[in-house]
């Protein structure tokens, strides 16, 4: 006997449960003005009850912001695990991003040229909405690259 798959909950389902439009659900989840606190609370309650959350992929395809922050670190993986400062730093970044329903894209690179290439590829591929830069030095090539691309850092 084959089980019938459970249909995926959509923004339309949340809107129907909360008695609002799909646009109102979008306003609530994008933290935009235009809704009363009571309506916003009703929308969030409906979403929790249905187990729904916005699709990051759909938001990206719709042209909304990308809720991923990039961090490329020029360190060998083994050394990174031995440096308590970096472990605390990454943990702190993750905590703050989680509070804002955002994620961290972390990449360990071998040198500054590789980091510049990775950051630029992430940005052009819309994988990140901005980046965190660490370990600055004089004439840092990442500064020119982020300015040229208009990438938030």
N, C-alpha and C. Protein backbone atom coordinates (compact mmCIF):
# COMPACT_ATOMS: atom_id res chain seq x y z
N UNK A 1 0.84 -1.16 0.00
CA UNK A 1 0.00 0.00 0.00
C UNK A 1 0.90 1.24 0.00
N UNK A 2 0.64 2.18 -0.90
CA UNK A 2 1.44 3.39 -1.03
C UNK A 2 0.77 4.52 -0.27
N UNK A 3 1.57 5.23 0.53
CA UNK A 3 1.05 6.37 1.28
C UNK A 3 0.84 7.55 0.34
N UNK A 4 -0.22 8.27 0.56
CA UNK A 4 -0.49 9.47 -0.22
C UNK A 4 0.36 10.61 0.35
N UNK A 5 1.14 11.28 -0.49
CA UNK A 5 1.97 12.36 0.03
C UNK A 5 1.12 13.50 0.57
N UNK A 6 1.61 14.11 1.63
CA UNK A 6 0.94 15.27 2.21
C UNK A 6 1.20 16.46 1.31
N UNK A 7 0.16 17.20 0.93
CA UNK A 7 0.40 18.35 0.07
C UNK A 7 1.23 19.42 0.80
N UNK A 8 2.08 20.10 0.04
CA UNK A 8 2.92 21.15 0.59
C UNK A 8 2.07 22.36 0.95
N UNK A 9 2.31 22.91 2.12
CA UNK A 9 1.59 24.10 2.58
C UNK A 9 2.16 25.30 1.83
N UNK A 10 1.29 26.18 1.36
CA UNK A 10 1.71 27.34 0.58
C UNK A 10 1.31 28.64 1.28
N UNK A 11 1.79 29.74 0.74
CA UNK A 11 1.43 31.06 1.25
C UNK A 11 -0.09 31.27 1.15
N UNK A 12 -0.69 30.68 0.12
CA UNK A 12 -2.14 30.78 -0.06
C UNK A 12 -2.87 30.12 1.12
N UNK A 13 -2.35 28.98 1.59
CA UNK A 13 -2.95 28.29 2.73
C UNK A 13 -2.86 29.13 4.00
N UNK A 14 -1.71 29.77 4.20
CA UNK A 14 -1.52 30.63 5.38
C UNK A 14 -2.48 31.80 5.32
N UNK A 15 -2.58 32.41 4.13
CA UNK A 15 -3.49 33.55 3.97
C UNK A 15 -4.93 33.15 4.28
N UNK A 16 -5.35 32.00 3.76
CA UNK A 16 -6.72 31.53 4.01
C UNK A 16 -6.96 31.29 5.49
N UNK A 17 -6.00 30.65 6.17
CA UNK A 17 -6.15 30.36 7.60
C UNK A 17 -6.23 31.65 8.41
N UNK A 18 -5.42 32.67 8.01
CA UNK A 18 -5.40 33.93 8.76
C UNK A 18 -6.49 34.89 8.32
N UNK A 19 -7.19 34.58 7.22
CA UNK A 19 -8.26 35.46 6.72
C UNK A 19 -7.72 36.73 6.10
N UNK A 20 -6.57 36.62 5.41
CA UNK A 20 -5.94 37.78 4.77
C UNK A 20 -5.53 37.41 3.35
N UNK A 21 -4.97 38.37 2.64
CA UNK A 21 -4.48 38.11 1.28
C UNK A 21 -3.05 37.55 1.33
N UNK A 22 -2.61 36.98 0.20
CA UNK A 22 -1.23 36.52 0.12
C UNK A 22 -0.27 37.69 0.28
N UNK A 23 -0.67 38.87 -0.21
CA UNK A 23 0.15 40.07 -0.07
C UNK A 23 0.36 40.44 1.39
N UNK A 24 -0.67 40.27 2.21
CA UNK A 24 -0.54 40.57 3.64
C UNK A 24 0.45 39.61 4.31
N UNK A 25 0.41 38.34 3.91
CA UNK A 25 1.37 37.37 4.45
C UNK A 25 2.79 37.79 4.07
N UNK A 26 2.96 38.20 2.84
CA UNK A 26 4.26 38.66 2.37
C UNK A 26 4.73 39.88 3.17
N UNK A 27 3.84 40.83 3.39
CA UNK A 27 4.20 42.02 4.19
C UNK A 27 4.66 41.61 5.59
N UNK A 28 3.93 40.69 6.20
CA UNK A 28 4.27 40.26 7.56
C UNK A 28 5.65 39.61 7.60
N UNK A 29 5.91 38.69 6.68
CA UNK A 29 7.17 37.95 6.73
C UNK A 29 8.36 38.75 6.22
N UNK A 30 8.10 39.82 5.49
CA UNK A 30 9.19 40.70 5.05
C UNK A 30 9.33 41.91 5.96
N UNK A 31 8.58 41.88 7.07
CA UNK A 31 8.66 42.94 8.09
C UNK A 31 8.43 44.33 7.48
N UNK A 32 7.42 44.41 6.62
CA UNK A 32 7.06 45.68 5.98
C UNK A 32 5.88 46.30 6.72
N UNK A 33 5.77 47.63 6.66
CA UNK A 33 4.63 48.30 7.29
C UNK A 33 3.35 48.04 6.51
N UNK A 34 2.22 48.40 7.12
CA UNK A 34 0.94 48.27 6.44
C UNK A 34 -0.01 47.28 7.07
N UNK A 35 0.43 46.64 8.16
CA UNK A 35 -0.43 45.68 8.86
C UNK A 35 -0.51 46.07 10.33
N UNK A 36 -1.65 45.82 10.92
CA UNK A 36 -1.75 46.02 12.37
C UNK A 36 -1.00 44.89 13.06
N UNK A 37 -0.62 45.12 14.29
CA UNK A 37 0.08 44.08 15.06
C UNK A 37 -0.81 42.85 15.22
N UNK A 38 -2.12 43.07 15.39
CA UNK A 38 -3.05 41.94 15.55
C UNK A 38 -3.08 41.08 14.29
N UNK A 39 -3.11 41.72 13.12
CA UNK A 39 -3.11 40.98 11.86
C UNK A 39 -1.79 40.25 11.67
N UNK A 40 -0.69 40.94 11.95
CA UNK A 40 0.64 40.32 11.83
C UNK A 40 0.73 39.09 12.74
N UNK A 41 0.25 39.22 13.97
CA UNK A 41 0.27 38.10 14.91
C UNK A 41 -0.59 36.94 14.42
N UNK A 42 -1.75 37.25 13.84
CA UNK A 42 -2.65 36.22 13.31
C UNK A 42 -1.97 35.47 12.16
N UNK A 43 -1.25 36.20 11.33
CA UNK A 43 -0.54 35.57 10.20
C UNK A 43 0.55 34.65 10.71
N UNK A 44 1.36 35.13 11.66
CA UNK A 44 2.44 34.30 12.20
C UNK A 44 1.89 33.06 12.91
N UNK A 45 0.76 33.20 13.60
CA UNK A 45 0.13 32.06 14.27
C UNK A 45 -0.33 31.04 13.23
N UNK A 46 -0.97 31.51 12.17
CA UNK A 46 -1.44 30.61 11.12
C UNK A 46 -0.26 29.86 10.49
N UNK A 47 0.82 30.58 10.24
CA UNK A 47 2.00 29.95 9.65
C UNK A 47 2.58 28.88 10.58
N UNK A 48 2.66 29.18 11.87
CA UNK A 48 3.16 28.19 12.84
C UNK A 48 2.26 26.98 12.89
N UNK A 49 0.95 27.20 12.94
CA UNK A 49 0.00 26.09 13.01
C UNK A 49 0.11 25.17 11.78
N UNK A 50 0.37 25.77 10.64
CA UNK A 50 0.46 25.00 9.40
C UNK A 50 1.88 24.48 9.13
N UNK A 51 2.84 24.97 9.91
CA UNK A 51 4.23 24.55 9.71
C UNK A 51 4.83 25.16 8.45
N UNK A 52 4.42 26.39 8.13
CA UNK A 52 4.89 27.05 6.91
C UNK A 52 5.93 28.11 7.23
N UNK A 53 6.90 28.25 6.35
CA UNK A 53 7.83 29.38 6.40
C UNK A 53 8.15 29.76 4.96
N UNK A 54 8.51 31.02 4.74
CA UNK A 54 8.78 31.46 3.37
C UNK A 54 9.93 30.68 2.75
N UNK A 55 9.82 30.42 1.47
CA UNK A 55 10.87 29.74 0.72
C UNK A 55 11.95 30.74 0.34
N UNK A 56 13.18 30.50 0.80
CA UNK A 56 14.28 31.39 0.43
C UNK A 56 14.52 31.35 -1.07
N UNK A 57 14.33 30.21 -1.69
CA UNK A 57 14.51 30.09 -3.13
C UNK A 57 13.48 30.95 -3.85
N UNK A 58 12.24 30.88 -3.42
CA UNK A 58 11.19 31.68 -4.06
C UNK A 58 11.46 33.16 -3.88
N UNK A 59 11.91 33.56 -2.70
CA UNK A 59 12.20 34.97 -2.45
C UNK A 59 13.31 35.45 -3.38
N UNK A 60 14.32 34.62 -3.57
CA UNK A 60 15.43 34.99 -4.44
C UNK A 60 14.94 35.11 -5.89
N UNK A 61 14.16 34.13 -6.35
CA UNK A 61 13.66 34.16 -7.72
C UNK A 61 12.73 35.34 -7.95
N UNK A 62 12.02 35.76 -6.92
CA UNK A 62 11.10 36.88 -7.04
C UNK A 62 11.83 38.22 -6.98
N UNK A 63 13.13 38.16 -6.80
CA UNK A 63 13.89 39.41 -6.78
C UNK A 63 14.03 40.01 -5.40
N UNK A 64 13.57 39.32 -4.39
CA UNK A 64 13.73 39.82 -3.03
C UNK A 64 15.17 39.67 -2.61
N UNK A 65 15.46 40.20 -1.46
CA UNK A 65 16.84 40.10 -0.98
C UNK A 65 17.22 38.65 -0.70
N UNK A 66 18.49 38.40 -0.73
CA UNK A 66 19.01 37.08 -0.42
C UNK A 66 19.42 37.12 1.05
N UNK A 67 18.85 36.24 1.86
CA UNK A 67 19.10 36.23 3.29
C UNK A 67 20.26 35.32 3.66
N UNK A 68 21.34 35.44 2.90
CA UNK A 68 22.55 34.67 3.17
C UNK A 68 23.72 35.65 3.15
N UNK A 69 24.57 35.52 4.14
CA UNK A 69 25.76 36.36 4.24
C UNK A 69 26.98 35.48 4.02
N UNK A 70 27.89 35.95 3.18
CA UNK A 70 29.09 35.19 2.87
C UNK A 70 30.25 35.52 3.81
N UNK A 71 31.04 34.52 4.11
CA UNK A 71 32.26 34.71 4.89
C UNK A 71 33.30 33.75 4.35
N UNK A 72 34.32 34.29 3.69
CA UNK A 72 35.43 33.48 3.21
C UNK A 72 36.61 33.76 4.12
N UNK A 73 37.21 32.72 4.64
CA UNK A 73 38.31 32.86 5.59
C UNK A 73 39.55 32.19 5.01
N UNK A 74 40.64 32.94 5.00
CA UNK A 74 41.90 32.43 4.47
C UNK A 74 42.66 31.72 5.59
N UNK A 75 42.25 30.47 5.83
CA UNK A 75 42.85 29.65 6.88
C UNK A 75 42.67 28.19 6.49
N UNK A 76 43.63 27.34 6.81
CA UNK A 76 43.41 25.90 6.61
C UNK A 76 42.34 25.41 7.59
N UNK A 77 41.53 24.47 7.17
CA UNK A 77 40.44 23.96 8.01
C UNK A 77 40.95 23.50 9.38
N UNK A 78 42.06 22.82 9.40
CA UNK A 78 42.61 22.30 10.66
C UNK A 78 42.96 23.45 11.60
N UNK A 79 43.58 24.50 11.07
CA UNK A 79 43.98 25.64 11.90
C UNK A 79 42.76 26.40 12.41
N UNK A 80 41.73 26.50 11.59
CA UNK A 80 40.53 27.23 11.99
C UNK A 80 39.91 26.61 13.24
N UNK A 81 39.91 25.29 13.31
CA UNK A 81 39.36 24.60 14.47
C UNK A 81 40.20 24.80 15.72
N UNK A 82 41.45 25.17 15.55
CA UNK A 82 42.35 25.36 16.69
C UNK A 82 42.38 26.81 17.16
N UNK A 83 41.81 27.72 16.40
CA UNK A 83 41.79 29.14 16.77
C UNK A 83 40.48 29.47 17.47
N UNK A 84 40.50 29.58 18.80
CA UNK A 84 39.25 29.83 19.52
C UNK A 84 38.55 31.13 19.10
N UNK A 85 39.32 32.14 18.72
CA UNK A 85 38.70 33.40 18.34
C UNK A 85 37.77 33.20 17.14
N UNK A 86 38.22 32.50 16.11
CA UNK A 86 37.40 32.29 14.93
C UNK A 86 36.17 31.44 15.24
N UNK A 87 36.33 30.45 16.06
CA UNK A 87 35.17 29.62 16.42
C UNK A 87 34.12 30.45 17.15
N UNK A 88 34.55 31.31 18.07
CA UNK A 88 33.61 32.20 18.78
C UNK A 88 33.00 33.20 17.81
N UNK A 89 33.81 33.73 16.91
CA UNK A 89 33.34 34.71 15.93
C UNK A 89 32.25 34.10 15.04
N UNK A 90 32.52 32.94 14.47
CA UNK A 90 31.54 32.28 13.60
C UNK A 90 30.27 31.95 14.38
N UNK A 91 30.43 31.48 15.61
CA UNK A 91 29.27 31.18 16.45
C UNK A 91 28.43 32.44 16.70
N UNK A 92 29.09 33.54 16.98
CA UNK A 92 28.38 34.81 17.21
C UNK A 92 27.66 35.29 15.96
N UNK A 93 28.32 35.19 14.82
CA UNK A 93 27.70 35.59 13.55
C UNK A 93 26.47 34.73 13.29
N UNK A 94 26.60 33.44 13.47
CA UNK A 94 25.47 32.53 13.27
C UNK A 94 24.28 32.89 14.18
N UNK A 95 24.57 33.22 15.43
CA UNK A 95 23.51 33.58 16.38
C UNK A 95 22.75 34.81 15.92
N UNK A 96 23.47 35.83 15.50
CA UNK A 96 22.81 37.06 15.04
C UNK A 96 22.03 36.81 13.77
N UNK A 97 22.60 36.09 12.84
CA UNK A 97 21.89 35.81 11.58
C UNK A 97 20.64 34.98 11.83
N UNK A 98 20.71 34.02 12.73
CA UNK A 98 19.53 33.19 13.03
C UNK A 98 18.39 34.04 13.57
N UNK A 99 18.71 35.05 14.36
CA UNK A 99 17.67 35.95 14.89
C UNK A 99 16.93 36.68 13.77
N UNK A 100 17.58 36.81 12.62
CA UNK A 100 17.01 37.51 11.48
C UNK A 100 16.63 36.56 10.35
N UNK A 101 16.49 35.28 10.68
CA UNK A 101 16.14 34.24 9.69
C UNK A 101 17.07 34.26 8.49
N UNK A 102 18.34 34.51 8.76
CA UNK A 102 19.36 34.52 7.71
C UNK A 102 20.35 33.39 7.97
N UNK A 103 21.18 33.13 6.97
CA UNK A 103 22.15 32.05 7.05
C UNK A 103 23.54 32.55 6.71
N UNK A 104 24.53 31.75 7.08
CA UNK A 104 25.92 32.05 6.77
C UNK A 104 26.43 31.05 5.76
N UNK A 105 27.09 31.55 4.71
CA UNK A 105 27.77 30.71 3.74
C UNK A 105 29.26 30.87 4.02
N UNK A 106 29.88 29.82 4.52
CA UNK A 106 31.28 29.86 4.95
C UNK A 106 32.14 29.09 3.98
N UNK A 107 33.28 29.66 3.61
CA UNK A 107 34.21 28.98 2.71
C UNK A 107 35.62 29.25 3.20
N UNK A 108 36.41 28.21 3.29
CA UNK A 108 37.82 28.34 3.62
C UNK A 108 38.60 28.42 2.31
N UNK A 109 39.44 29.44 2.18
CA UNK A 109 40.20 29.65 0.95
C UNK A 109 41.69 29.62 1.26
N UNK A 110 42.49 29.45 0.20
CA UNK A 110 43.95 29.34 0.38
C UNK A 110 44.67 30.68 0.35
N UNK A 111 44.08 31.66 -0.38
CA UNK A 111 44.77 32.94 -0.50
C UNK A 111 43.77 34.04 -0.84
N UNK A 112 44.27 35.28 -0.85
CA UNK A 112 43.41 36.44 -1.07
C UNK A 112 42.80 36.44 -2.47
N UNK A 113 43.56 36.03 -3.48
CA UNK A 113 43.02 35.99 -4.85
C UNK A 113 41.84 35.02 -4.93
N UNK A 114 41.96 33.88 -4.27
CA UNK A 114 40.85 32.92 -4.26
C UNK A 114 39.65 33.51 -3.54
N UNK A 115 39.89 34.22 -2.45
CA UNK A 115 38.77 34.83 -1.72
C UNK A 115 38.05 35.86 -2.58
N UNK A 116 38.80 36.71 -3.28
CA UNK A 116 38.19 37.70 -4.16
C UNK A 116 37.31 36.99 -5.21
N UNK A 117 37.83 35.92 -5.80
CA UNK A 117 37.07 35.17 -6.79
C UNK A 117 35.81 34.54 -6.23
N UNK A 118 35.92 33.97 -5.04
CA UNK A 118 34.77 33.34 -4.38
C UNK A 118 33.70 34.37 -4.06
N UNK A 119 34.12 35.49 -3.46
CA UNK A 119 33.16 36.54 -3.08
C UNK A 119 32.44 37.08 -4.32
N UNK A 120 33.19 37.31 -5.38
CA UNK A 120 32.58 37.84 -6.60
C UNK A 120 31.62 36.83 -7.21
N UNK A 121 31.99 35.56 -7.24
CA UNK A 121 31.11 34.52 -7.79
C UNK A 121 29.84 34.39 -6.96
N UNK A 122 29.97 34.42 -5.65
CA UNK A 122 28.78 34.37 -4.79
C UNK A 122 27.84 35.51 -5.11
N UNK A 123 28.40 36.73 -5.21
CA UNK A 123 27.58 37.92 -5.42
C UNK A 123 26.92 37.88 -6.80
N UNK A 124 27.68 37.59 -7.83
CA UNK A 124 27.13 37.55 -9.19
C UNK A 124 26.11 36.43 -9.35
N UNK A 125 26.30 35.33 -8.63
CA UNK A 125 25.36 34.20 -8.69
C UNK A 125 24.18 34.36 -7.76
N UNK A 126 24.06 35.51 -7.10
CA UNK A 126 22.97 35.82 -6.16
C UNK A 126 22.88 34.78 -5.05
N UNK A 127 24.02 34.24 -4.65
CA UNK A 127 24.04 33.30 -3.53
C UNK A 127 24.09 34.02 -2.20
N UNK A 128 24.56 35.26 -2.21
CA UNK A 128 24.66 36.04 -0.98
C UNK A 128 24.05 37.42 -1.19
N UNK A 129 23.61 38.01 -0.09
CA UNK A 129 23.09 39.37 -0.12
C UNK A 129 24.11 40.36 0.40
N UNK A 130 25.23 39.88 0.85
CA UNK A 130 26.31 40.70 1.38
C UNK A 130 27.36 39.78 1.97
N UNK A 131 28.42 40.40 2.50
CA UNK A 131 29.51 39.58 2.99
C UNK A 131 30.16 40.19 4.22
N UNK A 132 30.83 39.36 4.96
CA UNK A 132 31.64 39.80 6.09
C UNK A 132 33.09 39.61 5.67
N UNK A 133 33.87 40.67 5.81
CA UNK A 133 35.29 40.60 5.48
C UNK A 133 36.10 40.68 6.77
N UNK A 134 37.12 39.86 6.87
CA UNK A 134 37.99 39.85 8.05
C UNK A 134 39.45 39.91 7.60
N UNK A 135 40.33 40.19 8.54
CA UNK A 135 41.78 40.19 8.28
C UNK A 135 42.18 41.20 7.21
N UNK A 136 41.76 42.45 7.38
CA UNK A 136 42.13 43.50 6.43
C UNK A 136 43.62 43.79 6.46
N UNK A 137 44.14 44.25 5.33
CA UNK A 137 45.52 44.71 5.25
C UNK A 137 45.61 45.85 4.25
N UNK A 138 46.75 46.54 4.21
CA UNK A 138 46.94 47.68 3.30
C UNK A 138 46.69 47.23 1.87
N UNK A 139 46.03 48.10 1.09
CA UNK A 139 45.73 47.82 -0.32
C UNK A 139 44.98 46.50 -0.51
N UNK A 140 44.03 46.24 0.37
CA UNK A 140 43.24 45.01 0.32
C UNK A 140 42.42 44.98 -0.96
N UNK A 141 42.60 43.98 -1.84
CA UNK A 141 41.87 43.93 -3.12
C UNK A 141 40.36 43.69 -2.95
N UNK A 142 39.95 43.20 -1.80
CA UNK A 142 38.51 42.94 -1.58
C UNK A 142 37.73 44.24 -1.51
N UNK A 143 38.36 45.30 -1.00
CA UNK A 143 37.67 46.58 -0.88
C UNK A 143 37.28 47.10 -2.26
N UNK A 144 38.23 47.12 -3.20
CA UNK A 144 37.94 47.58 -4.56
C UNK A 144 36.87 46.71 -5.22
N UNK A 145 36.96 45.39 -5.02
CA UNK A 145 36.00 44.47 -5.63
C UNK A 145 34.58 44.73 -5.10
N UNK A 146 34.44 44.88 -3.80
CA UNK A 146 33.09 45.10 -3.24
C UNK A 146 32.54 46.45 -3.65
N UNK A 147 33.40 47.46 -3.74
CA UNK A 147 32.94 48.78 -4.20
C UNK A 147 32.49 48.72 -5.65
N UNK A 148 33.27 48.05 -6.50
CA UNK A 148 32.95 47.92 -7.92
C UNK A 148 31.61 47.22 -8.12
N UNK A 149 31.35 46.18 -7.32
CA UNK A 149 30.12 45.40 -7.46
C UNK A 149 28.93 46.01 -6.70
N UNK A 150 29.21 46.93 -5.80
CA UNK A 150 28.14 47.47 -4.95
C UNK A 150 27.67 46.47 -3.92
N UNK A 151 28.55 45.58 -3.52
CA UNK A 151 28.21 44.52 -2.56
C UNK A 151 28.25 45.08 -1.13
N UNK A 152 27.18 44.89 -0.38
CA UNK A 152 27.21 45.30 1.04
C UNK A 152 28.18 44.42 1.81
N UNK A 153 29.02 45.04 2.63
CA UNK A 153 29.97 44.30 3.46
C UNK A 153 29.92 44.84 4.87
